[in-house]
Amino acid sequence: MTQELVALVLLAIMAGGLWIPFIVAINTQDTNGETADAFVVPPRIERMPPHMRRLHRAHLNLLEQLLPFALMVLIAQQIGLSNTVTVVTAWLFLALRIAHAIVMMTGKPRWALRPIIFTMGFACILVFGVQLLMA
């Protein structure tokens, strides 16, 4: 297994786990009589505790960037592309996504650090894509 695929597996595990706080929030939230069944009408996210909303947003942000990155890693695997740039980009992307989730959990998502991390993740996608196009 290439290093890029290892990073992708770890990203998939992270994406698979970041939804858990949202589900906990839905199932522990007081619905104020809106509905007795959260599966029929989920509670409104703005009524959830702030840390749950932030983790939900971190999960959505991860999914937004994970799909294009995952597709490129799988294409690279298929065509046999693995070099220093793709390996470093994959591990950097993973580190940035972890850092992004941590920044969101701290309650300081409006810090300049959050958009910088998100933008750097996008830059990783671009660099990886350029490597694919040049292959």
C-alpha atoms as a PDB file:
ATOM      1  CA  MET A   1       0.000   0.000   0.000  1.00  0.00           C
ATOM      2  CA  THR A   2       1.401   3.410  -0.942  1.00  0.00           C
ATOM      3  CA  GLN A   3       1.870   6.180   1.611  1.00  0.00           C
ATOM      4  CA  GLU A   4      -0.835   8.177  -0.147  1.00  0.00           C
ATOM      5  CA  LEU A   5      -3.307   5.342   0.400  1.00  0.00           C
ATOM      6  CA  VAL A   6      -2.337   5.052   4.068  1.00  0.00           C
ATOM      7  CA  ALA A   7      -3.046   8.773   4.524  1.00  0.00           C
ATOM      8  CA  LEU A   8      -6.352   8.318   2.678  1.00  0.00           C
ATOM      9  CA  VAL A   9      -7.375   5.433   4.951  1.00  0.00           C
ATOM     10  CA  LEU A  10      -6.629   7.567   8.018  1.00  0.00           C
ATOM     11  CA  LEU A  11      -8.681  10.422   6.523  1.00  0.00           C
ATOM     12  CA  ALA A  12     -11.561   8.024   5.902  1.00  0.00           C
ATOM     13  CA  ILE A  13     -11.413   6.834   9.509  1.00  0.00           C
ATOM     14  CA  MET A  14     -11.438  10.457  10.671  1.00  0.00           C
ATOM     15  CA  ALA A  15     -14.434  11.238   8.439  1.00  0.00           C
ATOM     16  CA  GLY A  16     -16.165   8.145   9.743  1.00  0.00           C
ATOM     17  CA  GLY A  17     -15.763   9.315  13.330  1.00  0.00           C
ATOM     18  CA  LEU A  18     -16.431  13.046  13.192  1.00  0.00           C
ATOM     19  CA  TRP A  19     -20.168  12.502  12.704  1.00  0.00           C
ATOM     20  CA  ILE A  20     -20.478  10.840  16.131  1.00  0.00           C
ATOM     21  CA  PRO A  21     -20.761  14.086  18.177  1.00  0.00           C
ATOM     22  CA  PHE A  22     -23.569  15.274  15.891  1.00  0.00           C
ATOM     23  CA  ILE A  23     -25.515  12.043  16.431  1.00  0.00           C
ATOM     24  CA  VAL A  24     -24.921  12.295  20.195  1.00  0.00           C
ATOM     25  CA  ALA A  25     -26.232  15.860  20.142  1.00  0.00           C
ATOM     26  CA  ILE A  26     -29.360  14.866  18.232  1.00  0.00           C
ATOM     27  CA  ASN A  27     -30.114  12.042  20.641  1.00  0.00           C
ATOM     28  CA  THR A  28     -29.450  13.999  23.832  1.00  0.00           C
ATOM     29  CA  GLN A  29     -30.994  17.320  22.860  1.00  0.00           C
ATOM     30  CA  ASP A  30     -34.238  18.544  24.371  1.00  0.00           C
ATOM     31  CA  THR A  31     -36.555  18.935  21.389  1.00  0.00           C
ATOM     32  CA  ASN A  32     -39.001  21.222  23.249  1.00  0.00           C
ATOM     33  CA  GLY A  33     -41.852  19.043  22.119  1.00  0.00           C
ATOM     34  CA  GLU A  34     -41.117  19.629  18.413  1.00  0.00           C
ATOM     35  CA  THR A  35     -41.012  15.943  17.622  1.00  0.00           C
ATOM     36  CA  ALA A  36     -40.865  12.715  19.539  1.00  0.00           C
ATOM     37  CA  ASP A  37     -38.880  11.035  16.779  1.00  0.00           C
ATOM     38  CA  ALA A  38     -35.611  12.658  15.682  1.00  0.00           C
ATOM     39  CA  PHE A  39     -35.577  10.431  12.603  1.00  0.00           C
ATOM     40  CA  VAL A  40     -38.786  12.002  11.305  1.00  0.00           C
ATOM     41  CA  VAL A  41     -37.732  15.617  11.831  1.00  0.00           C
ATOM     42  CA  PRO A  42     -34.173  16.098  13.081  1.00  0.00           C
ATOM     43  CA  PRO A  43     -33.764  18.827  15.690  1.00  0.00           C
ATOM     44  CA  ARG A  44     -32.550  22.173  14.424  1.00  0.00           C
ATOM     45  CA  ILE A  45     -28.771  22.391  14.442  1.00  0.00           C
ATOM     46  CA  GLU A  46     -28.767  25.964  15.759  1.00  0.00           C
ATOM     47  CA  ARG A  47     -30.290  24.654  19.009  1.00  0.00           C
ATOM     48  CA  MET A  48     -27.461  22.207  19.597  1.00  0.00           C
ATOM     49  CA  PRO A  49     -24.596  23.038  21.944  1.00  0.00           C
ATOM     50  CA  PRO A  50     -21.936  25.190  20.238  1.00  0.00           C
ATOM     51  CA  HIS A  51     -19.225  22.520  20.395  1.00  0.00           C
ATOM     52  CA  MET A  52     -21.533  20.051  18.631  1.00  0.00           C
ATOM     53  CA  ARG A  53     -22.283  22.564  15.880  1.00  0.00           C
ATOM     54  CA  ARG A  54     -18.566  23.219  15.415  1.00  0.00           C
ATOM     55  CA  LEU A  55     -17.756  19.516  15.164  1.00  0.00           C
ATOM     56  CA  HIS A  56     -20.590  19.070  12.683  1.00  0.00           C
ATOM     57  CA  ARG A  57     -19.113  21.865  10.553  1.00  0.00           C
ATOM     58  CA  ALA A  58     -15.630  20.332  10.819  1.00  0.00           C
ATOM     59  CA  HIS A  59     -17.103  17.061   9.557  1.00  0.00           C
ATOM     60  CA  LEU A  60     -18.787  18.785   6.617  1.00  0.00           C
ATOM     61  CA  ASN A  61     -15.582  20.664   5.777  1.00  0.00           C
ATOM     62  CA  LEU A  62     -13.641  17.399   5.817  1.00  0.00           C
ATOM     63  CA  LEU A  63     -16.124  15.762   3.469  1.00  0.00           C
ATOM     64  CA  GLU A  64     -15.972  18.760   1.118  1.00  0.00           C
ATOM     65  CA  GLN A  65     -12.237  18.313   0.646  1.00  0.00           C
ATOM     66  CA  LEU A  66     -11.983  14.566   1.122  1.00  0.00           C
ATOM     67  CA  LEU A  67     -13.916  13.586  -1.994  1.00  0.00           C
ATOM     68  CA  PRO A  68     -11.700  15.306  -4.585  1.00  0.00           C
ATOM     69  CA  PHE A  69      -8.551  14.337  -2.716  1.00  0.00           C
ATOM     70  CA  ALA A  70      -9.635  10.701  -2.415  1.00  0.00           C
ATOM     71  CA  LEU A  71     -10.471  10.505  -6.103  1.00  0.00           C
ATOM     72  CA  MET A  72      -7.046  11.820  -7.036  1.00  0.00           C
ATOM     73  CA  VAL A  73      -5.250   9.421  -4.684  1.00  0.00           C
ATOM     74  CA  LEU A  74      -7.168   6.508  -6.193  1.00  0.00           C
ATOM     75  CA  ILE A  75      -6.403   7.682  -9.738  1.00  0.00           C
ATOM     76  CA  ALA A  76      -2.724   8.025  -8.810  1.00  0.00           C
ATOM     77  CA  GLN A  77      -2.788   4.474  -7.432  1.00  0.00           C
ATOM     78  CA  GLN A  78      -4.389   3.199 -10.628  1.00  0.00           C
ATOM     79  CA  ILE A  79      -1.789   4.791 -12.913  1.00  0.00           C
ATOM     80  CA  GLY A  80       1.132   3.974 -10.611  1.00  0.00           C
ATOM     81  CA  LEU A  81       1.947   7.543  -9.627  1.00  0.00           C
ATOM     82  CA  SER A  82       3.716   7.897  -6.307  1.00  0.00           C
ATOM     83  CA  ASN A  83       6.538  10.350  -5.803  1.00  0.00           C
ATOM     84  CA  THR A  84       7.909  12.633  -3.123  1.00  0.00           C
ATOM     85  CA  VAL A  85       5.419  15.386  -3.975  1.00  0.00           C
ATOM     86  CA  THR A  86       2.364  13.115  -3.805  1.00  0.00           C
ATOM     87  CA  VAL A  87       3.524  11.481  -0.555  1.00  0.00           C
ATOM     88  CA  VAL A  88       4.280  14.809   1.155  1.00  0.00           C
ATOM     89  CA  THR A  89       1.037  16.296  -0.145  1.00  0.00           C
ATOM     90  CA  ALA A  90      -1.003  13.361   1.174  1.00  0.00           C
ATOM     91  CA  TRP A  91       0.531  13.505   4.660  1.00  0.00           C
ATOM     92  CA  LEU A  92       0.309  17.294   4.762  1.00  0.00           C
ATOM     93  CA  PHE A  93      -3.351  17.117   3.752  1.00  0.00           C
ATOM     94  CA  LEU A  94      -4.018  14.657   6.591  1.00  0.00           C
ATOM     95  CA  ALA A  95      -2.188  16.874   9.103  1.00  0.00           C
ATOM     96  CA  LEU A  96      -4.118  19.936   7.920  1.00  0.00           C
ATOM     97  CA  ARG A  97      -7.485  18.168   8.246  1.00  0.00           C
ATOM     98  CA  ILE A  98      -6.589  17.068  11.798  1.00  0.00           C
ATOM     99  CA  ALA A  99      -5.478  20.610  12.640  1.00  0.00           C
ATOM    100  CA  HIS A 100      -8.697  22.002  11.153  1.00  0.00           C
ATOM    101  CA  ALA A 101     -10.835  19.724  13.336  1.00  0.00           C
ATOM    102  CA  ILE A 102      -8.831  20.684  16.430  1.00  0.00           C
ATOM    103  CA  VAL A 103      -9.206  24.406  15.689  1.00  0.00           C
ATOM    104  CA  MET A 104     -12.952  23.921  15.249  1.00  0.00           C
ATOM    105  CA  MET A 105     -13.205  22.007  18.545  1.00  0.00           C
ATOM    106  CA  THR A 106     -11.379  24.745  20.461  1.00  0.00           C
ATOM    107  CA  GLY A 107     -14.245  27.135  19.931  1.00  0.00           C
ATOM    108  CA  LYS A 108     -12.092  29.606  18.055  1.00  0.00           C
ATOM    109  CA  PRO A 109     -13.193  28.803  14.487  1.00  0.00           C
ATOM    110  CA  ARG A 110     -13.104  32.479  13.501  1.00  0.00           C
ATOM    111  CA  TRP A 111      -9.371  32.717  14.103  1.00  0.00           C
ATOM    112  CA  ALA A 112      -7.438  33.466  10.942  1.00  0.00           C
ATOM    113  CA  LEU A 113      -5.880  30.021  11.401  1.00  0.00           C
ATOM    114  CA  ARG A 114      -9.053  28.188  10.354  1.00  0.00           C
ATOM    115  CA  PRO A 115      -9.385  29.658   6.836  1.00  0.00           C
ATOM    116  CA  ILE A 116      -5.619  29.396   6.365  1.00  0.00           C
ATOM    117  CA  ILE A 117      -5.722  25.674   7.185  1.00  0.00           C
ATOM    118  CA  PHE A 118      -8.716  25.138   4.901  1.00  0.00           C
ATOM    119  CA  THR A 119      -7.002  27.022   2.052  1.00  0.00           C
ATOM    120  CA  MET A 120      -3.780  25.069   2.537  1.00  0.00           C
ATOM    121  CA  GLY A 121      -5.840  21.872   2.226  1.00  0.00           C
ATOM    122  CA  PHE A 122      -7.181  23.161  -1.071  1.00  0.00           C
ATOM    123  CA  ALA A 123      -3.611  23.923  -2.152  1.00  0.00           C
ATOM    124  CA  CYS A 124      -2.719  20.278  -1.424  1.00  0.00           C
ATOM    125  CA  ILE A 125      -5.570  19.213  -3.704  1.00  0.00           C
ATOM    126  CA  LEU A 126      -4.244  21.496  -6.447  1.00  0.00           C
ATOM    127  CA  VAL A 127      -0.657  20.269  -6.089  1.00  0.00           C
ATOM    128  CA  PHE A 128      -1.754  16.642  -6.178  1.00  0.00           C
ATOM    129  CA  GLY A 129      -3.926  17.371  -9.200  1.00  0.00           C
ATOM    130  CA  VAL A 130      -1.041  19.005 -11.039  1.00  0.00           C
ATOM    131  CA  GLN A 131       1.070  15.907 -10.353  1.00  0.00           C
ATOM    132  CA  LEU A 132      -1.674  13.764 -11.895  1.00  0.00           C
ATOM    133  CA  LEU A 133      -2.003  15.988 -14.943  1.00  0.00           C
ATOM    134  CA  MET A 134       1.765  15.957 -15.489  1.00  0.00           C
ATOM    135  CA  ALA A 135       1.958  12.136 -15.231  1.00  0.00           C
END
